[in-house]
Amino acid sequence: MAKYSRSAGKDVERAMHKRKKGTLKSGKGGKGGKVKSRKQAIAIGLSEARKKGKKVPKKSSKSGKKRKSSKRKSTRKSKK
């Protein structure tokens, strides 16, 4: 079973094409600056596909990832 729909792929393809032409902008309503990053163009394409209700997995949240806890044992010597 596919994670992404074909039409979602078309949205990403359209965003990549706009990036190549230099017309892809970041931000609401295209008010932001020009997008030069390939990853950012893909993210914009997937975001547009989500807004249209196409089959795209949910965004992964950075806060949900497990972190390694760096607990250090106390190595102090007790004075007598």
C-alpha atoms as a PDB file:
ATOM      1  CA  MET A   1       0.000   0.000   0.000  1.00  0.00           C
ATOM      2  CA  ALA A   2       1.377   3.410  -1.003  1.00  0.00           C
ATOM      3  CA  LYS A   3       2.055   6.082   1.616  1.00  0.00           C
ATOM      4  CA  TYR A   4       1.432   8.967  -0.768  1.00  0.00           C
ATOM      5  CA  SER A   5      -1.237   9.339  -3.454  1.00  0.00           C
ATOM      6  CA  ARG A   6      -0.224  10.001  -7.064  1.00  0.00           C
ATOM      7  CA  SER A   7      -1.925  13.381  -6.979  1.00  0.00           C
ATOM      8  CA  ALA A   8       0.163  14.314  -3.902  1.00  0.00           C
ATOM      9  CA  GLY A   9       3.240  13.475  -5.960  1.00  0.00           C
ATOM     10  CA  LYS A  10       1.974  15.808  -8.672  1.00  0.00           C
ATOM     11  CA  ASP A  11       1.718  18.640  -6.126  1.00  0.00           C
ATOM     12  CA  VAL A  12       5.312  18.049  -5.034  1.00  0.00           C
ATOM     13  CA  GLU A  13       6.399  17.900  -8.682  1.00  0.00           C
ATOM     14  CA  ARG A  14       4.661  21.224  -9.338  1.00  0.00           C
ATOM     15  CA  ALA A  15       6.401  22.823  -6.349  1.00  0.00           C
ATOM     16  CA  MET A  16       9.788  21.499  -7.514  1.00  0.00           C
ATOM     17  CA  HIS A  17       9.178  22.917 -10.991  1.00  0.00           C
ATOM     18  CA  LYS A  18       8.283  26.324  -9.524  1.00  0.00           C
ATOM     19  CA  ARG A  19      11.467  26.218  -7.447  1.00  0.00           C
ATOM     20  CA  LYS A  20      13.533  25.565 -10.583  1.00  0.00           C
ATOM     21  CA  LYS A  21      11.884  28.528 -12.322  1.00  0.00           C
ATOM     22  CA  GLY A  22      12.469  30.685  -9.235  1.00  0.00           C
ATOM     23  CA  THR A  23       8.825  31.515  -8.622  1.00  0.00           C
ATOM     24  CA  LEU A  24       8.211  29.387  -5.520  1.00  0.00           C
ATOM     25  CA  LYS A  25       7.776  31.515  -2.405  1.00  0.00           C
ATOM     26  CA  SER A  26       7.558  30.565   1.252  1.00  0.00           C
ATOM     27  CA  GLY A  27       4.957  31.836   3.684  1.00  0.00           C
ATOM     28  CA  LYS A  28       1.243  32.524   3.497  1.00  0.00           C
ATOM     29  CA  GLY A  29       0.058  33.860   0.170  1.00  0.00           C
ATOM     30  CA  GLY A  30       3.569  33.790  -1.281  1.00  0.00           C
ATOM     31  CA  LYS A  31       4.655  36.832   0.723  1.00  0.00           C
ATOM     32  CA  GLY A  32       7.889  35.195   1.861  1.00  0.00           C
ATOM     33  CA  GLY A  33      11.200  35.006   0.081  1.00  0.00           C
ATOM     34  CA  LYS A  34      12.210  32.769  -2.795  1.00  0.00           C
ATOM     35  CA  VAL A  35      12.688  29.115  -1.986  1.00  0.00           C
ATOM     36  CA  LYS A  36      16.075  27.733  -3.022  1.00  0.00           C
ATOM     37  CA  SER A  37      16.189  24.596  -0.896  1.00  0.00           C
ATOM     38  CA  ARG A  38      15.078  21.303  -2.444  1.00  0.00           C
ATOM     39  CA  LYS A  39      13.837  19.999   0.911  1.00  0.00           C
ATOM     40  CA  GLN A  40      11.798  23.134   1.527  1.00  0.00           C
ATOM     41  CA  ALA A  41      10.179  22.812  -1.914  1.00  0.00           C
ATOM     42  CA  ILE A  42       9.168  19.213  -1.140  1.00  0.00           C
ATOM     43  CA  ALA A  43       7.753  20.300   2.230  1.00  0.00           C
ATOM     44  CA  ILE A  44       5.696  23.033   0.559  1.00  0.00           C
ATOM     45  CA  GLY A  45       4.358  20.568  -2.026  1.00  0.00           C
ATOM     46  CA  LEU A  46       3.342  18.068   0.671  1.00  0.00           C
ATOM     47  CA  SER A  47       1.742  20.823   2.725  1.00  0.00           C
ATOM     48  CA  GLU A  48      -0.351  21.928  -0.257  1.00  0.00           C
ATOM     49  CA  ALA A  49      -1.394  18.311  -0.860  1.00  0.00           C
ATOM     50  CA  ARG A  50      -2.485  17.985   2.799  1.00  0.00           C
ATOM     51  CA  LYS A  51      -4.579  21.156   2.516  1.00  0.00           C
ATOM     52  CA  LYS A  52      -6.342  19.687  -0.528  1.00  0.00           C
ATOM     53  CA  GLY A  53      -7.122  16.512   1.462  1.00  0.00           C
ATOM     54  CA  LYS A  54      -4.905  14.147  -0.497  1.00  0.00           C
ATOM     55  CA  LYS A  55      -3.360  11.008   0.955  1.00  0.00           C
ATOM     56  CA  VAL A  56      -0.206  12.179   2.712  1.00  0.00           C
ATOM     57  CA  PRO A  57       1.110  10.921   6.088  1.00  0.00           C
ATOM     58  CA  LYS A  58       0.899  13.253   9.073  1.00  0.00           C
ATOM     59  CA  LYS A  59       3.772  15.598   9.848  1.00  0.00           C
ATOM     60  CA  SER A  60       6.337  14.133  12.202  1.00  0.00           C
ATOM     61  CA  SER A  61       6.727  16.278  15.282  1.00  0.00           C
ATOM     62  CA  LYS A  62      10.171  17.013  16.651  1.00  0.00           C
ATOM     63  CA  SER A  63       8.858  17.089  20.211  1.00  0.00           C
ATOM     64  CA  GLY A  64       7.627  13.500  19.933  1.00  0.00           C
ATOM     65  CA  LYS A  65      11.060  12.042  19.321  1.00  0.00           C
ATOM     66  CA  LYS A  66      12.798  10.293  22.173  1.00  0.00           C
ATOM     67  CA  ARG A  67      15.805  12.003  23.631  1.00  0.00           C
ATOM     68  CA  LYS A  68      18.709  10.415  25.369  1.00  0.00           C
ATOM     69  CA  SER A  69      18.792  11.536  28.956  1.00  0.00           C
ATOM     70  CA  SER A  70      22.254  12.467  30.046  1.00  0.00           C
ATOM     71  CA  LYS A  71      22.046  11.684  33.719  1.00  0.00           C
ATOM     72  CA  ARG A  72      25.446  11.616  35.303  1.00  0.00           C
ATOM     73  CA  LYS A  73      26.185   9.728  38.446  1.00  0.00           C
ATOM     74  CA  SER A  74      27.618  11.766  41.219  1.00  0.00           C
ATOM     75  CA  THR A  75      31.269  10.849  41.638  1.00  0.00           C
ATOM     76  CA  ARG A  76      31.965  13.073  44.592  1.00  0.00           C
ATOM     77  CA  LYS A  77      33.825  11.552  47.461  1.00  0.00           C
ATOM     78  CA  SER A  78      32.276  12.201  50.806  1.00  0.00           C
ATOM     79  CA  LYS A  79      34.581  13.829  53.335  1.00  0.00           C
ATOM     80  CA  LYS A  80      34.793  12.326  56.830  1.00  0.00           C
END
